[in-house]
């Protein structure tokens, strides 16, 4: 597992959560989809698909789910997940973000090619994102895609017309060697903060729900600034440190700010063209 992750920048690990844990996540998630019927515009909790309605709710993201239900918070600190993450970035870990991405059956917004590092550069790149699969991820339902080895390469330009746009804008970008990360419900996907990744729409009739947690080594600090109390309270294991580790890593600062702030979907919407080329065929 460790060797493959460090070689290509991502892995899938099956059978991390039990069936009962998956069913509990589905129940709670269904409750929030129902609650979204009462919302007509995206807000601090709900990010809605453009076709969302009270009659046919289409929730594409639950923002910061660990703050809306304890089950999501407990999953962030799941012992089996932390045991795997600690093998990859060390045993002292904090979290710098979380979200629950949902692709409704028969559509669901794609996530254009990007590198998380372009959104939030740190002092070192011992950072990754774990996707907890509430449903199985397949090519048909818009599974995560990754481009092997790109976590060891440059940070591509994610700016459009001089403003951060949240998606790759390099004209020479090539996704012909992209790979699918297909795993079962109860599995996790793991991708390095610098690896190029994205996902296509859900073409199946069923939802694809992915609970995403961002984990960082304790000595990785954000270059855009950190609040000490928030940093300390965001630790899931280990000990905070006031001595960040500096590594020789490529950086592009996500400034000037995007035209559309908010979720990745909103930020990426400023581009009129898709970043998917060969991967979409």
C-alpha atoms as a PDB file:
ATOM      1  CA  UNK A   1       0.000   0.000   0.000  1.00  0.00           C
ATOM      2  CA  UNK A   2       2.679   2.515   1.047  1.00  0.00           C
ATOM      3  CA  UNK A   3       4.846   1.816  -1.996  1.00  0.00           C
ATOM      4  CA  UNK A   4       1.988   2.217  -4.466  1.00  0.00           C
ATOM      5  CA  UNK A   5       0.763   5.424  -2.830  1.00  0.00           C
ATOM      6  CA  UNK A   6       4.209   7.012  -2.885  1.00  0.00           C
ATOM      7  CA  UNK A   7       4.787   5.857  -6.464  1.00  0.00           C
ATOM      8  CA  UNK A   8       1.562   7.006  -8.160  1.00  0.00           C
ATOM      9  CA  UNK A   9       0.030   9.395  -5.605  1.00  0.00           C
ATOM     10  CA  UNK A  10      -3.254   7.641  -4.821  1.00  0.00           C
ATOM     11  CA  UNK A  11      -4.733   4.312  -3.724  1.00  0.00           C
ATOM     12  CA  UNK A  12      -8.046   2.665  -2.917  1.00  0.00           C
ATOM     13  CA  UNK A  13      -8.438   0.524   0.197  1.00  0.00           C
ATOM     14  CA  UNK A  14     -11.493  -1.723   0.477  1.00  0.00           C
ATOM     15  CA  UNK A  15     -13.255  -2.933   3.652  1.00  0.00           C
ATOM     16  CA  UNK A  16     -12.293  -0.063   5.965  1.00  0.00           C
ATOM     17  CA  UNK A  17     -15.794   0.672   7.291  1.00  0.00           C
ATOM     18  CA  UNK A  18     -18.271  -2.008   8.352  1.00  0.00           C
ATOM     19  CA  UNK A  19     -21.632  -2.447   6.672  1.00  0.00           C
ATOM     20  CA  UNK A  20     -23.394  -1.022   9.728  1.00  0.00           C
ATOM     21  CA  UNK A  21     -21.142   2.065   9.641  1.00  0.00           C
ATOM     22  CA  UNK A  22     -21.933   2.586   5.960  1.00  0.00           C
ATOM     23  CA  UNK A  23     -25.665   2.211   6.576  1.00  0.00           C
ATOM     24  CA  UNK A  24     -25.500   4.783   9.397  1.00  0.00           C
ATOM     25  CA  UNK A  25     -23.745   7.268   7.085  1.00  0.00           C
ATOM     26  CA  UNK A  26     -26.396   6.687   4.444  1.00  0.00           C
ATOM     27  CA  UNK A  27     -29.228   7.332   6.906  1.00  0.00           C
ATOM     28  CA  UNK A  28     -27.744  10.591   8.149  1.00  0.00           C
ATOM     29  CA  UNK A  29     -26.872  11.728   4.633  1.00  0.00           C
ATOM     30  CA  UNK A  30     -30.400  10.995   3.428  1.00  0.00           C
ATOM     31  CA  UNK A  31     -31.678  13.189   6.271  1.00  0.00           C
ATOM     32  CA  UNK A  32     -29.645  16.136   4.987  1.00  0.00           C
ATOM     33  CA  UNK A  33     -30.824  15.599   1.431  1.00  0.00           C
ATOM     34  CA  UNK A  34     -34.374  15.826   2.792  1.00  0.00           C
ATOM     35  CA  UNK A  35     -33.513  19.001   4.705  1.00  0.00           C
ATOM     36  CA  UNK A  36     -32.180  20.538   1.499  1.00  0.00           C
ATOM     37  CA  UNK A  37     -35.751  20.571   0.142  1.00  0.00           C
ATOM     38  CA  UNK A  38     -36.295  23.655   2.301  1.00  0.00           C
ATOM     39  CA  UNK A  39     -33.351  25.507   0.736  1.00  0.00           C
ATOM     40  CA  UNK A  40     -33.578  27.254  -2.629  1.00  0.00           C
ATOM     41  CA  UNK A  41     -30.028  28.650  -2.805  1.00  0.00           C
ATOM     42  CA  UNK A  42     -26.631  27.385  -1.703  1.00  0.00           C
ATOM     43  CA  UNK A  43     -25.647  28.534   1.777  1.00  0.00           C
ATOM     44  CA  UNK A  44     -23.064  27.793   4.482  1.00  0.00           C
ATOM     45  CA  UNK A  45     -24.270  24.193   4.820  1.00  0.00           C
ATOM     46  CA  UNK A  46     -25.759  23.156   1.469  1.00  0.00           C
ATOM     47  CA  UNK A  47     -24.247  23.425  -2.003  1.00  0.00           C
ATOM     48  CA  UNK A  48     -27.012  22.776  -4.527  1.00  0.00           C
ATOM     49  CA  UNK A  49     -27.012  21.503  -8.084  1.00  0.00           C
ATOM     50  CA  UNK A  50     -28.386  24.065 -10.589  1.00  0.00           C
ATOM     51  CA  UNK A  51     -31.416  21.777 -11.130  1.00  0.00           C
ATOM     52  CA  UNK A  52     -32.220  21.435  -7.411  1.00  0.00           C
ATOM     53  CA  UNK A  53     -35.843  21.908  -6.336  1.00  0.00           C
ATOM     54  CA  UNK A  54     -38.014  21.150  -3.318  1.00  0.00           C
ATOM     55  CA  UNK A  55     -39.803  18.473  -5.314  1.00  0.00           C
ATOM     56  CA  UNK A  56     -36.573  16.893  -6.582  1.00  0.00           C
ATOM     57  CA  UNK A  57     -33.722  17.790  -4.205  1.00  0.00           C
ATOM     58  CA  UNK A  58     -30.236  17.585  -5.694  1.00  0.00           C
ATOM     59  CA  UNK A  59     -27.587  18.312  -3.133  1.00  0.00           C
ATOM     60  CA  UNK A  60     -24.081  18.263  -4.610  1.00  0.00           C
ATOM     61  CA  UNK A  61     -22.149  19.062  -1.427  1.00  0.00           C
ATOM     62  CA  UNK A  62     -22.672  19.195   2.303  1.00  0.00           C
ATOM     63  CA  UNK A  63     -20.161  21.778   3.502  1.00  0.00           C
ATOM     64  CA  UNK A  64     -18.088  20.981   6.599  1.00  0.00           C
ATOM     65  CA  UNK A  65     -20.183  17.946   7.600  1.00  0.00           C
ATOM     66  CA  UNK A  66     -18.186  17.370  10.815  1.00  0.00           C
ATOM     67  CA  UNK A  67     -19.837  20.531  12.173  1.00  0.00           C
ATOM     68  CA  UNK A  68     -23.401  19.454  11.380  1.00  0.00           C
ATOM     69  CA  UNK A  69     -23.482  15.874  12.708  1.00  0.00           C
ATOM     70  CA  UNK A  70     -21.388  13.914  15.180  1.00  0.00           C
ATOM     71  CA  UNK A  71     -21.375  10.806  12.973  1.00  0.00           C
ATOM     72  CA  UNK A  72     -19.308  12.633  10.373  1.00  0.00           C
ATOM     73  CA  UNK A  73     -16.980  13.910  13.107  1.00  0.00           C
ATOM     74  CA  UNK A  74     -16.586  10.393  14.494  1.00  0.00           C
ATOM     75  CA  UNK A  75     -15.748   9.113  11.003  1.00  0.00           C
ATOM     76  CA  UNK A  76     -13.027  11.763  10.677  1.00  0.00           C
ATOM     77  CA  UNK A  77     -11.412  10.206  13.766  1.00  0.00           C
ATOM     78  CA  UNK A  78     -12.101   6.579  12.759  1.00  0.00           C
ATOM     79  CA  UNK A  79      -9.306   4.415  14.147  1.00  0.00           C
ATOM     80  CA  UNK A  80      -8.857   2.352  10.991  1.00  0.00           C
ATOM     81  CA  UNK A  81      -8.693   5.457   8.798  1.00  0.00           C
ATOM     82  CA  UNK A  82      -6.163   7.190  11.068  1.00  0.00           C
ATOM     83  CA  UNK A  83      -4.057   4.033  11.246  1.00  0.00           C
ATOM     84  CA  UNK A  84      -3.760   4.016   7.445  1.00  0.00           C
ATOM     85  CA  UNK A  85      -3.152   7.764   7.179  1.00  0.00           C
ATOM     86  CA  UNK A  86      -0.441   7.629   9.865  1.00  0.00           C
ATOM     87  CA  UNK A  87       1.495   5.127   7.743  1.00  0.00           C
ATOM     88  CA  UNK A  88       1.634   7.715   4.959  1.00  0.00           C
ATOM     89  CA  UNK A  89       2.192  11.090   6.669  1.00  0.00           C
ATOM     90  CA  UNK A  90       3.177  10.263  10.253  1.00  0.00           C
ATOM     91  CA  UNK A  91       1.344   9.743  13.536  1.00  0.00           C
ATOM     92  CA  UNK A  92       0.765  13.412  14.468  1.00  0.00           C
ATOM     93  CA  UNK A  93      -2.077  14.676  12.281  1.00  0.00           C
ATOM     94  CA  UNK A  94      -4.477  17.592  11.934  1.00  0.00           C
ATOM     95  CA  UNK A  95      -7.290  18.294   9.508  1.00  0.00           C
ATOM     96  CA  UNK A  96      -7.626  21.389   7.329  1.00  0.00           C
ATOM     97  CA  UNK A  97     -10.962  20.654   5.678  1.00  0.00           C
ATOM     98  CA  UNK A  98     -13.884  18.308   5.106  1.00  0.00           C
ATOM     99  CA  UNK A  99     -16.878  18.004   2.789  1.00  0.00           C
ATOM    100  CA  UNK A 100     -19.411  15.487   1.531  1.00  0.00           C
ATOM    101  CA  UNK A 101     -19.598  15.459  -2.264  1.00  0.00           C
ATOM    102  CA  UNK A 102     -22.711  13.941  -3.814  1.00  0.00           C
ATOM    103  CA  UNK A 103     -23.457  13.123  -7.420  1.00  0.00           C
ATOM    104  CA  UNK A 104     -27.162  12.604  -8.030  1.00  0.00           C
ATOM    105  CA  UNK A 105     -28.144   9.745 -10.309  1.00  0.00           C
ATOM    106  CA  UNK A 106     -28.362  10.652 -13.971  1.00  0.00           C
ATOM    107  CA  UNK A 107     -26.010  13.622 -13.772  1.00  0.00           C
ATOM    108  CA  UNK A 108     -24.245  15.204 -10.849  1.00  0.00           C
ATOM    109  CA  UNK A 109     -21.706  17.944 -11.416  1.00  0.00           C
ATOM    110  CA  UNK A 110     -18.226  16.890 -12.519  1.00  0.00           C
ATOM    111  CA  UNK A 111     -15.131  18.113 -10.711  1.00  0.00           C
ATOM    112  CA  UNK A 112     -12.623  19.436 -13.234  1.00  0.00           C
ATOM    113  CA  UNK A 113      -8.961  18.423 -13.174  1.00  0.00           C
ATOM    114  CA  UNK A 114      -7.086  20.148 -10.366  1.00  0.00           C
ATOM    115  CA  UNK A 115      -4.445  19.785  -7.673  1.00  0.00           C
ATOM    116  CA  UNK A 116      -5.538  20.421  -4.087  1.00  0.00           C
ATOM    117  CA  UNK A 117      -2.130  21.998  -3.473  1.00  0.00           C
ATOM    118  CA  UNK A 118      -3.079  24.771  -5.911  1.00  0.00           C
ATOM    119  CA  UNK A 119      -5.877  25.711  -3.503  1.00  0.00           C
ATOM    120  CA  UNK A 120      -3.863  25.557  -0.275  1.00  0.00           C
ATOM    121  CA  UNK A 121      -0.033  25.407  -0.424  1.00  0.00           C
ATOM    122  CA  UNK A 122       1.718  24.474   2.838  1.00  0.00           C
ATOM    123  CA  UNK A 123       5.270  24.440   4.204  1.00  0.00           C
ATOM    124  CA  UNK A 124       5.590  20.775   3.212  1.00  0.00           C
ATOM    125  CA  UNK A 125       3.388  18.338   1.281  1.00  0.00           C
ATOM    126  CA  UNK A 126       2.862  15.528   3.808  1.00  0.00           C
ATOM    127  CA  UNK A 127      -0.848  15.983   3.199  1.00  0.00           C
ATOM    128  CA  UNK A 128      -3.592  13.911   1.643  1.00  0.00           C
ATOM    129  CA  UNK A 129      -7.338  13.573   1.227  1.00  0.00           C
ATOM    130  CA  UNK A 130      -9.320  10.502   2.231  1.00  0.00           C
ATOM    131  CA  UNK A 131     -12.604   9.775   0.473  1.00  0.00           C
ATOM    132  CA  UNK A 132     -14.954   7.614   2.537  1.00  0.00           C
ATOM    133  CA  UNK A 133     -17.174   5.784   0.063  1.00  0.00           C
ATOM    134  CA  UNK A 134     -20.785   5.825   1.224  1.00  0.00           C
ATOM    135  CA  UNK A 135     -21.556   4.187  -2.120  1.00  0.00           C
ATOM    136  CA  UNK A 136     -19.273   2.159  -4.329  1.00  0.00           C
ATOM    137  CA  UNK A 137     -17.289   4.257  -6.812  1.00  0.00           C
ATOM    138  CA  UNK A 138     -17.367   3.069 -10.426  1.00  0.00           C
ATOM    139  CA  UNK A 139     -16.700   4.532 -13.837  1.00  0.00           C
ATOM    140  CA  UNK A 140     -20.456   4.632 -14.445  1.00  0.00           C
ATOM    141  CA  UNK A 141     -21.252   6.737 -11.377  1.00  0.00           C
ATOM    142  CA  UNK A 142     -18.393   9.213 -11.727  1.00  0.00           C
ATOM    143  CA  UNK A 143     -15.585   7.707  -9.676  1.00  0.00           C
ATOM    144  CA  UNK A 144     -12.455   9.623  -8.746  1.00  0.00           C
ATOM    145  CA  UNK A 145      -9.839   9.827 -11.499  1.00  0.00           C
ATOM    146  CA  UNK A 146      -6.122  10.351 -10.931  1.00  0.00           C
ATOM    147  CA  UNK A 147      -3.066  10.886 -13.111  1.00  0.00           C
ATOM    148  CA  UNK A 148      -0.233   8.723 -11.798  1.00  0.00           C
ATOM    149  CA  UNK A 149       2.993  10.348 -10.667  1.00  0.00           C
ATOM    150  CA  UNK A 150       1.786  13.938 -10.909  1.00  0.00           C
ATOM    151  CA  UNK A 151       2.312  14.422  -7.149  1.00  0.00           C
ATOM    152  CA  UNK A 152       6.026  14.526  -7.955  1.00  0.00           C
ATOM    153  CA  UNK A 153       5.741  17.101 -10.727  1.00  0.00           C
ATOM    154  CA  UNK A 154       4.986  20.808 -11.112  1.00  0.00           C
ATOM    155  CA  UNK A 155       1.932  22.659  -9.886  1.00  0.00           C
ATOM    156  CA  UNK A 156       0.036  23.485 -13.052  1.00  0.00           C
ATOM    157  CA  UNK A 157      -1.582  26.853 -13.659  1.00  0.00           C
ATOM    158  CA  UNK A 158      -5.107  27.054 -12.197  1.00  0.00           C
ATOM    159  CA  UNK A 159      -5.669  30.715 -13.159  1.00  0.00           C
ATOM    160  CA  UNK A 160      -7.937  32.155 -15.842  1.00  0.00           C
ATOM    161  CA  UNK A 161      -7.660  35.753 -17.023  1.00  0.00           C
ATOM    162  CA  UNK A 162      -5.304  36.420 -14.149  1.00  0.00           C
ATOM    163  CA  UNK A 163      -7.646  35.143 -11.395  1.00  0.00           C
ATOM    164  CA  UNK A 164      -7.593  31.819  -9.558  1.00  0.00           C
ATOM    165  CA  UNK A 165     -10.148  29.521 -11.226  1.00  0.00           C
ATOM    166  CA  UNK A 166      -9.699  26.252  -9.333  1.00  0.00           C
ATOM    167  CA  UNK A 167      -9.047  24.048 -12.380  1.00  0.00           C
ATOM    168  CA  UNK A 168      -6.102  23.355 -14.671  1.00  0.00           C
ATOM    169  CA  UNK A 169      -5.812  25.941 -17.442  1.00  0.00           C
ATOM    170  CA  UNK A 170      -2.515  24.836 -19.041  1.00  0.00           C
ATOM    171  CA  UNK A 171      -3.212  24.332 -22.749  1.00  0.00           C
ATOM    172  CA  UNK A 172      -0.682  21.497 -22.958  1.00  0.00           C
ATOM    173  CA  UNK A 173      -2.364  19.531 -20.151  1.00  0.00           C
ATOM    174  CA  UNK A 174      -2.697  15.833 -21.020  1.00  0.00           C
ATOM    175  CA  UNK A 175      -5.031  13.421 -19.202  1.00  0.00           C
ATOM    176  CA  UNK A 176      -4.562  10.456 -21.541  1.00  0.00           C
ATOM    177  CA  UNK A 177      -2.971   8.285 -18.834  1.00  0.00           C
ATOM    178  CA  UNK A 178      -5.639   8.977 -16.204  1.00  0.00           C
ATOM    179  CA  UNK A 179      -6.719   6.020 -14.093  1.00  0.00           C
ATOM    180  CA  UNK A 180     -10.019   5.189 -12.422  1.00  0.00           C
ATOM    181  CA  UNK A 181     -10.128   4.656  -8.652  1.00  0.00           C
ATOM    182  CA  UNK A 182     -12.946   2.122  -8.348  1.00  0.00           C
ATOM    183  CA  UNK A 183     -13.745   0.768  -4.888  1.00  0.00           C
ATOM    184  CA  UNK A 184     -16.670  -0.663  -2.937  1.00  0.00           C
ATOM    185  CA  UNK A 185     -18.937   1.043  -0.410  1.00  0.00           C
ATOM    186  CA  UNK A 186     -17.121   1.126   2.928  1.00  0.00           C
ATOM    187  CA  UNK A 187     -13.772   1.590   1.182  1.00  0.00           C
ATOM    188  CA  UNK A 188     -11.617   4.701   1.199  1.00  0.00           C
ATOM    189  CA  UNK A 189      -9.743   6.446  -1.566  1.00  0.00           C
ATOM    190  CA  UNK A 190      -6.561   8.329  -0.688  1.00  0.00           C
ATOM    191  CA  UNK A 191      -4.889  10.921  -2.870  1.00  0.00           C
ATOM    192  CA  UNK A 192      -1.819  13.072  -2.318  1.00  0.00           C
ATOM    193  CA  UNK A 193      -2.348  16.821  -2.061  1.00  0.00           C
ATOM    194  CA  UNK A 194      -0.332  17.454  -5.248  1.00  0.00           C
ATOM    195  CA  UNK A 195      -1.744  14.716  -7.487  1.00  0.00           C
ATOM    196  CA  UNK A 196      -3.919  15.740 -10.437  1.00  0.00           C
ATOM    197  CA  UNK A 197      -7.429  14.408  -9.981  1.00  0.00           C
ATOM    198  CA  UNK A 198     -11.067  15.015 -10.921  1.00  0.00           C
ATOM    199  CA  UNK A 199     -14.311  13.163 -11.594  1.00  0.00           C
ATOM    200  CA  UNK A 200     -16.872  12.957 -14.406  1.00  0.00           C
ATOM    201  CA  UNK A 201     -20.695  13.124 -14.065  1.00  0.00           C
ATOM    202  CA  UNK A 202     -22.706  10.254 -12.635  1.00  0.00           C
ATOM    203  CA  UNK A 203     -24.297   8.383 -15.554  1.00  0.00           C
ATOM    204  CA  UNK A 204     -25.918   5.732 -13.360  1.00  0.00           C
ATOM    205  CA  UNK A 205     -29.433   6.043 -11.853  1.00  0.00           C
ATOM    206  CA  UNK A 206     -28.076   5.869  -8.305  1.00  0.00           C
ATOM    207  CA  UNK A 207     -26.317   8.468  -6.116  1.00  0.00           C
ATOM    208  CA  UNK A 208     -22.556   8.508  -5.553  1.00  0.00           C
ATOM    209  CA  UNK A 209     -21.705   9.985  -2.165  1.00  0.00           C
ATOM    210  CA  UNK A 210     -18.118  10.573  -1.072  1.00  0.00           C
ATOM    211  CA  UNK A 211     -17.193  11.934   2.355  1.00  0.00           C
ATOM    212  CA  UNK A 212     -13.863  13.742   2.015  1.00  0.00           C
ATOM    213  CA  UNK A 213     -11.420  14.470   4.835  1.00  0.00           C
ATOM    214  CA  UNK A 214      -8.172  16.424   4.436  1.00  0.00           C
ATOM    215  CA  UNK A 215      -5.320  15.333   6.706  1.00  0.00           C
ATOM    216  CA  UNK A 216      -1.960  17.068   7.270  1.00  0.00           C
ATOM    217  CA  UNK A 217       1.189  16.227   9.185  1.00  0.00           C
ATOM    218  CA  UNK A 218       1.347  18.389  12.328  1.00  0.00           C
ATOM    219  CA  UNK A 219       4.460  20.170  11.075  1.00  0.00           C
ATOM    220  CA  UNK A 220       2.774  21.134   7.789  1.00  0.00           C
ATOM    221  CA  UNK A 221       1.521  24.724   8.068  1.00  0.00           C
ATOM    222  CA  UNK A 222      -0.497  26.717   5.486  1.00  0.00           C
ATOM    223  CA  UNK A 223       1.482  29.400   3.682  1.00  0.00           C
ATOM    224  CA  UNK A 224      -1.603  31.613   3.600  1.00  0.00           C
ATOM    225  CA  UNK A 225      -1.593  31.845   7.395  1.00  0.00           C
ATOM    226  CA  UNK A 226      -2.814  29.826  10.376  1.00  0.00           C
ATOM    227  CA  UNK A 227      -4.786  30.546  13.537  1.00  0.00           C
ATOM    228  CA  UNK A 228      -3.048  28.779  16.423  1.00  0.00           C
ATOM    229  CA  UNK A 229      -6.192  27.895  18.357  1.00  0.00           C
ATOM    230  CA  UNK A 230      -7.894  26.520  15.240  1.00  0.00           C
ATOM    231  CA  UNK A 231      -4.771  24.548  14.333  1.00  0.00           C
ATOM    232  CA  UNK A 232      -4.628  22.987  17.812  1.00  0.00           C
ATOM    233  CA  UNK A 233      -8.345  22.157  17.932  1.00  0.00           C
ATOM    234  CA  UNK A 234      -8.134  20.585  14.462  1.00  0.00           C
ATOM    235  CA  UNK A 235      -5.745  17.843  15.617  1.00  0.00           C
ATOM    236  CA  UNK A 236      -7.122  14.328  15.362  1.00  0.00           C
ATOM    237  CA  UNK A 237      -4.071  12.638  16.881  1.00  0.00           C
ATOM    238  CA  UNK A 238      -0.578  13.517  18.074  1.00  0.00           C
ATOM    239  CA  UNK A 239       0.802  16.832  19.287  1.00  0.00           C
ATOM    240  CA  UNK A 240       0.677  20.323  17.715  1.00  0.00           C
ATOM    241  CA  UNK A 241       4.019  22.007  17.055  1.00  0.00           C
ATOM    242  CA  UNK A 242       5.118  25.607  16.627  1.00  0.00           C
ATOM    243  CA  UNK A 243       8.038  24.478  14.440  1.00  0.00           C
ATOM    244  CA  UNK A 244       6.727  23.970  10.912  1.00  0.00           C
ATOM    245  CA  UNK A 245       8.898  21.876   8.596  1.00  0.00           C
ATOM    246  CA  UNK A 246      10.015  23.581   5.381  1.00  0.00           C
ATOM    247  CA  UNK A 247      10.447  21.441   2.268  1.00  0.00           C
ATOM    248  CA  UNK A 248      11.592  22.244  -1.250  1.00  0.00           C
ATOM    249  CA  UNK A 249       8.197  22.021  -2.956  1.00  0.00           C
ATOM    250  CA  UNK A 250       6.748  23.900  -5.952  1.00  0.00           C
ATOM    251  CA  UNK A 251       4.157  26.532  -5.066  1.00  0.00           C
ATOM    252  CA  UNK A 252       1.606  28.697  -6.883  1.00  0.00           C
ATOM    253  CA  UNK A 253      -0.338  30.993  -4.573  1.00  0.00           C
ATOM    254  CA  UNK A 254      -4.134  30.987  -5.322  1.00  0.00           C
ATOM    255  CA  UNK A 255      -4.245  34.752  -5.744  1.00  0.00           C
ATOM    256  CA  UNK A 256      -5.749  36.999  -6.960  1.00  0.00           C
ATOM    257  CA  UNK A 257      -8.922  35.610  -5.431  1.00  0.00           C
ATOM    258  CA  UNK A 258     -11.392  33.793  -7.713  1.00  0.00           C
ATOM    259  CA  UNK A 259     -14.250  35.617  -9.402  1.00  0.00           C
ATOM    260  CA  UNK A 260     -16.624  33.183  -7.720  1.00  0.00           C
ATOM    261  CA  UNK A 261     -15.725  32.135  -4.201  1.00  0.00           C
ATOM    262  CA  UNK A 262     -17.352  29.270  -2.317  1.00  0.00           C
ATOM    263  CA  UNK A 263     -17.249  25.625  -3.289  1.00  0.00           C
ATOM    264  CA  UNK A 264     -15.001  24.162  -5.968  1.00  0.00           C
ATOM    265  CA  UNK A 265     -18.020  23.906  -8.266  1.00  0.00           C
ATOM    266  CA  UNK A 266     -18.660  27.632  -8.061  1.00  0.00           C
ATOM    267  CA  UNK A 267     -15.007  28.571  -8.501  1.00  0.00           C
ATOM    268  CA  UNK A 268     -14.559  26.258 -11.494  1.00  0.00           C
ATOM    269  CA  UNK A 269     -17.774  27.497 -13.152  1.00  0.00           C
ATOM    270  CA  UNK A 270     -16.009  30.583 -14.577  1.00  0.00           C
ATOM    271  CA  UNK A 271     -14.518  28.393 -17.295  1.00  0.00           C
ATOM    272  CA  UNK A 272     -16.745  27.686 -20.285  1.00  0.00           C
ATOM    273  CA  UNK A 273     -14.826  24.583 -21.354  1.00  0.00           C
ATOM    274  CA  UNK A 274     -14.175  21.210 -19.745  1.00  0.00           C
ATOM    275  CA  UNK A 275     -10.677  20.193 -18.677  1.00  0.00           C
ATOM    276  CA  UNK A 276     -11.438  16.567 -19.574  1.00  0.00           C
ATOM    277  CA  UNK A 277      -9.922  15.431 -22.848  1.00  0.00           C
ATOM    278  CA  UNK A 278      -8.989  11.793 -23.403  1.00  0.00           C
ATOM    279  CA  UNK A 279     -10.282  10.808 -19.941  1.00  0.00           C
ATOM    280  CA  UNK A 280     -13.841  11.628 -21.024  1.00  0.00           C
ATOM    281  CA  UNK A 281     -13.814   9.263 -23.999  1.00  0.00           C
END
